[in-house]
């Protein structure tokens, strides 16, 4: 639990430092994307406790293990960092809007089928 919380705090401050170093101000959309990624991570880890349910993300496969899930979400956070650092504002805005939309759809669907946000068994 401590490692996960420490990781989230480090990622949060890395996001802020990358955004500010690229002359882009940290805003509520940056915070929203980070928060919903963490929520989706917790729900994705929790899906294993629900027999008959499976992951619908084709990049993860139907029954990913914890390492695959963590690697996937770390990869997303790295892509967010690269987008914040190197993309022009118009592309950054499109990336964030699309990512927030799809993450929100996933979280909503997961909530409707009864998945909770749990990082540990």
C-alpha atoms as a PDB file:
ATOM      1  CA  UNK A   1       0.000   0.000   0.000  1.00  0.00           C
ATOM      2  CA  UNK A   2       2.809   2.400   0.878  1.00  0.00           C
ATOM      3  CA  UNK A   3       4.577   1.734  -2.415  1.00  0.00           C
ATOM      4  CA  UNK A   4       1.388   2.424  -4.378  1.00  0.00           C
ATOM      5  CA  UNK A   5       0.700   5.676  -2.532  1.00  0.00           C
ATOM      6  CA  UNK A   6       4.308   6.765  -2.941  1.00  0.00           C
ATOM      7  CA  UNK A   7       4.128   5.957  -6.662  1.00  0.00           C
ATOM      8  CA  UNK A   8       0.970   8.020  -7.097  1.00  0.00           C
ATOM      9  CA  UNK A   9       2.537  10.970  -5.269  1.00  0.00           C
ATOM     10  CA  UNK A  10       5.713  10.742  -7.386  1.00  0.00           C
ATOM     11  CA  UNK A  11       3.697  10.514 -10.614  1.00  0.00           C
ATOM     12  CA  UNK A  12       1.610  13.507  -9.523  1.00  0.00           C
ATOM     13  CA  UNK A  13       4.693  15.660  -8.962  1.00  0.00           C
ATOM     14  CA  UNK A  14       6.362  14.386 -12.131  1.00  0.00           C
ATOM     15  CA  UNK A  15       3.259  15.418 -14.061  1.00  0.00           C
ATOM     16  CA  UNK A  16       3.361  18.879 -12.528  1.00  0.00           C
ATOM     17  CA  UNK A  17       7.079  19.312 -13.233  1.00  0.00           C
ATOM     18  CA  UNK A  18       6.769  18.165 -16.853  1.00  0.00           C
ATOM     19  CA  UNK A  19       3.798  20.399 -17.534  1.00  0.00           C
ATOM     20  CA  UNK A  20       5.399  23.442 -15.982  1.00  0.00           C
ATOM     21  CA  UNK A  21       8.735  22.844 -17.716  1.00  0.00           C
ATOM     22  CA  UNK A  22       6.989  22.832 -21.092  1.00  0.00           C
ATOM     23  CA  UNK A  23       5.348  26.226 -20.466  1.00  0.00           C
ATOM     24  CA  UNK A  24       1.991  24.547 -19.999  1.00  0.00           C
ATOM     25  CA  UNK A  25       0.110  25.255 -16.787  1.00  0.00           C
ATOM     26  CA  UNK A  26      -1.194  22.365 -14.718  1.00  0.00           C
ATOM     27  CA  UNK A  27      -4.977  22.467 -14.936  1.00  0.00           C
ATOM     28  CA  UNK A  28      -8.029  20.556 -13.791  1.00  0.00           C
ATOM     29  CA  UNK A  29      -7.980  18.345 -16.898  1.00  0.00           C
ATOM     30  CA  UNK A  30      -4.472  17.154 -16.029  1.00  0.00           C
ATOM     31  CA  UNK A  31      -5.629  16.341 -12.510  1.00  0.00           C
ATOM     32  CA  UNK A  32      -8.807  14.667 -13.792  1.00  0.00           C
ATOM     33  CA  UNK A  33      -6.906  12.432 -16.188  1.00  0.00           C
ATOM     34  CA  UNK A  34      -4.496  11.341 -13.462  1.00  0.00           C
ATOM     35  CA  UNK A  35      -7.327  10.604 -11.018  1.00  0.00           C
ATOM     36  CA  UNK A  36      -9.440   8.624 -13.468  1.00  0.00           C
ATOM     37  CA  UNK A  37      -6.404   6.601 -14.538  1.00  0.00           C
ATOM     38  CA  UNK A  38      -5.856   5.623 -10.891  1.00  0.00           C
ATOM     39  CA  UNK A  39      -9.561   4.727 -10.525  1.00  0.00           C
ATOM     40  CA  UNK A  40      -9.433   2.611 -13.698  1.00  0.00           C
ATOM     41  CA  UNK A  41      -6.281   0.920 -12.405  1.00  0.00           C
ATOM     42  CA  UNK A  42      -8.057  -0.024  -9.164  1.00  0.00           C
ATOM     43  CA  UNK A  43     -11.088  -1.362 -11.025  1.00  0.00           C
ATOM     44  CA  UNK A  44      -8.944  -3.318 -13.471  1.00  0.00           C
ATOM     45  CA  UNK A  45      -7.060  -4.955 -10.601  1.00  0.00           C
ATOM     46  CA  UNK A  46     -10.399  -5.796  -8.952  1.00  0.00           C
ATOM     47  CA  UNK A  47     -11.951  -7.513 -11.992  1.00  0.00           C
ATOM     48  CA  UNK A  48     -10.120 -10.759 -11.176  1.00  0.00           C
ATOM     49  CA  UNK A  49     -12.342 -11.251  -8.112  1.00  0.00           C
ATOM     50  CA  UNK A  50     -15.471 -11.416 -10.256  1.00  0.00           C
ATOM     51  CA  UNK A  51     -15.856 -14.776 -11.998  1.00  0.00           C
ATOM     52  CA  UNK A  52     -17.455 -14.468 -15.385  1.00  0.00           C
ATOM     53  CA  UNK A  53     -16.162 -10.931 -15.933  1.00  0.00           C
ATOM     54  CA  UNK A  54     -13.181 -10.163 -18.096  1.00  0.00           C
ATOM     55  CA  UNK A  55     -11.122  -7.214 -19.245  1.00  0.00           C
ATOM     56  CA  UNK A  56     -12.360  -5.673 -22.485  1.00  0.00           C
ATOM     57  CA  UNK A  57      -9.201  -3.716 -23.287  1.00  0.00           C
ATOM     58  CA  UNK A  58      -7.584  -5.540 -26.233  1.00  0.00           C
ATOM     59  CA  UNK A  59      -4.140  -4.300 -25.197  1.00  0.00           C
ATOM     60  CA  UNK A  60      -4.426  -6.075 -21.841  1.00  0.00           C
ATOM     61  CA  UNK A  61      -6.172  -9.248 -22.919  1.00  0.00           C
ATOM     62  CA  UNK A  62      -9.154 -10.874 -21.232  1.00  0.00           C
ATOM     63  CA  UNK A  63      -7.417 -11.985 -18.020  1.00  0.00           C
ATOM     64  CA  UNK A  64      -4.285  -9.886 -17.372  1.00  0.00           C
ATOM     65  CA  UNK A  65      -2.132 -10.442 -14.314  1.00  0.00           C
ATOM     66  CA  UNK A  66      -1.150  -7.648 -11.928  1.00  0.00           C
ATOM     67  CA  UNK A  67       2.205  -7.042 -13.619  1.00  0.00           C
ATOM     68  CA  UNK A  68       0.561  -6.602 -17.026  1.00  0.00           C
ATOM     69  CA  UNK A  69      -1.980  -4.197 -15.532  1.00  0.00           C
ATOM     70  CA  UNK A  70       0.644  -2.090 -13.754  1.00  0.00           C
ATOM     71  CA  UNK A  71       2.861  -2.022 -16.858  1.00  0.00           C
ATOM     72  CA  UNK A  72      -0.065  -0.896 -19.007  1.00  0.00           C
ATOM     73  CA  UNK A  73      -0.965   1.974 -16.702  1.00  0.00           C
ATOM     74  CA  UNK A  74       2.663   3.014 -16.259  1.00  0.00           C
ATOM     75  CA  UNK A  75       2.882   3.089 -20.063  1.00  0.00           C
ATOM     76  CA  UNK A  76      -0.174   5.346 -20.206  1.00  0.00           C
ATOM     77  CA  UNK A  77       1.371   7.707 -17.673  1.00  0.00           C
ATOM     78  CA  UNK A  78       4.590   7.809 -19.700  1.00  0.00           C
ATOM     79  CA  UNK A  79       2.565   8.632 -22.828  1.00  0.00           C
ATOM     80  CA  UNK A  80       0.846  11.396 -20.878  1.00  0.00           C
ATOM     81  CA  UNK A  81       4.267  12.747 -19.885  1.00  0.00           C
ATOM     82  CA  UNK A  82       5.526  12.699 -23.462  1.00  0.00           C
ATOM     83  CA  UNK A  83       2.360  14.371 -24.665  1.00  0.00           C
ATOM     84  CA  UNK A  84       2.688  17.078 -22.019  1.00  0.00           C
ATOM     85  CA  UNK A  85       6.324  17.696 -22.833  1.00  0.00           C
ATOM     86  CA  UNK A  86       6.450  17.556 -26.615  1.00  0.00           C
ATOM     87  CA  UNK A  87       2.994  18.061 -28.115  1.00  0.00           C
ATOM     88  CA  UNK A  88       1.644  21.398 -29.286  1.00  0.00           C
ATOM     89  CA  UNK A  89      -1.283  22.720 -27.262  1.00  0.00           C
ATOM     90  CA  UNK A  90      -3.932  21.705 -29.789  1.00  0.00           C
ATOM     91  CA  UNK A  91      -2.695  18.077 -29.827  1.00  0.00           C
ATOM     92  CA  UNK A  92      -2.322  18.037 -26.057  1.00  0.00           C
ATOM     93  CA  UNK A  93      -5.960  19.136 -25.714  1.00  0.00           C
ATOM     94  CA  UNK A  94      -7.200  16.486 -28.148  1.00  0.00           C
ATOM     95  CA  UNK A  95      -5.184  13.779 -26.338  1.00  0.00           C
ATOM     96  CA  UNK A  96      -6.565  14.776 -22.943  1.00  0.00           C
ATOM     97  CA  UNK A  97     -10.167  15.045 -24.128  1.00  0.00           C
ATOM     98  CA  UNK A  98     -10.085  11.655 -25.874  1.00  0.00           C
ATOM     99  CA  UNK A  99      -8.348   9.956 -22.935  1.00  0.00           C
ATOM    100  CA  UNK A 100     -10.741  11.452 -20.372  1.00  0.00           C
ATOM    101  CA  UNK A 101     -13.744  10.426 -22.469  1.00  0.00           C
ATOM    102  CA  UNK A 102     -12.644   6.798 -22.895  1.00  0.00           C
ATOM    103  CA  UNK A 103     -11.454   6.424 -19.295  1.00  0.00           C
ATOM    104  CA  UNK A 104     -14.766   7.846 -18.084  1.00  0.00           C
ATOM    105  CA  UNK A 105     -16.677   5.340 -20.253  1.00  0.00           C
ATOM    106  CA  UNK A 106     -14.621   2.469 -18.812  1.00  0.00           C
ATOM    107  CA  UNK A 107     -15.080   3.617 -15.221  1.00  0.00           C
ATOM    108  CA  UNK A 108     -18.823   4.103 -15.710  1.00  0.00           C
ATOM    109  CA  UNK A 109     -19.232   0.650 -17.240  1.00  0.00           C
ATOM    110  CA  UNK A 110     -17.139  -0.963 -14.503  1.00  0.00           C
ATOM    111  CA  UNK A 111     -19.186   0.770 -11.812  1.00  0.00           C
ATOM    112  CA  UNK A 112     -22.452  -0.388 -13.393  1.00  0.00           C
ATOM    113  CA  UNK A 113     -21.348  -4.027 -13.255  1.00  0.00           C
ATOM    114  CA  UNK A 114     -20.309  -3.663  -9.615  1.00  0.00           C
ATOM    115  CA  UNK A 115     -16.532  -3.281  -9.762  1.00  0.00           C
ATOM    116  CA  UNK A 116     -15.003  -1.325  -6.922  1.00  0.00           C
ATOM    117  CA  UNK A 117     -11.679   0.462  -6.763  1.00  0.00           C
ATOM    118  CA  UNK A 118      -9.358  -1.917  -4.927  1.00  0.00           C
ATOM    119  CA  UNK A 119      -5.603  -2.071  -5.218  1.00  0.00           C
ATOM    120  CA  UNK A 120      -5.044  -5.044  -2.926  1.00  0.00           C
ATOM    121  CA  UNK A 121      -6.967  -8.249  -2.220  1.00  0.00           C
END
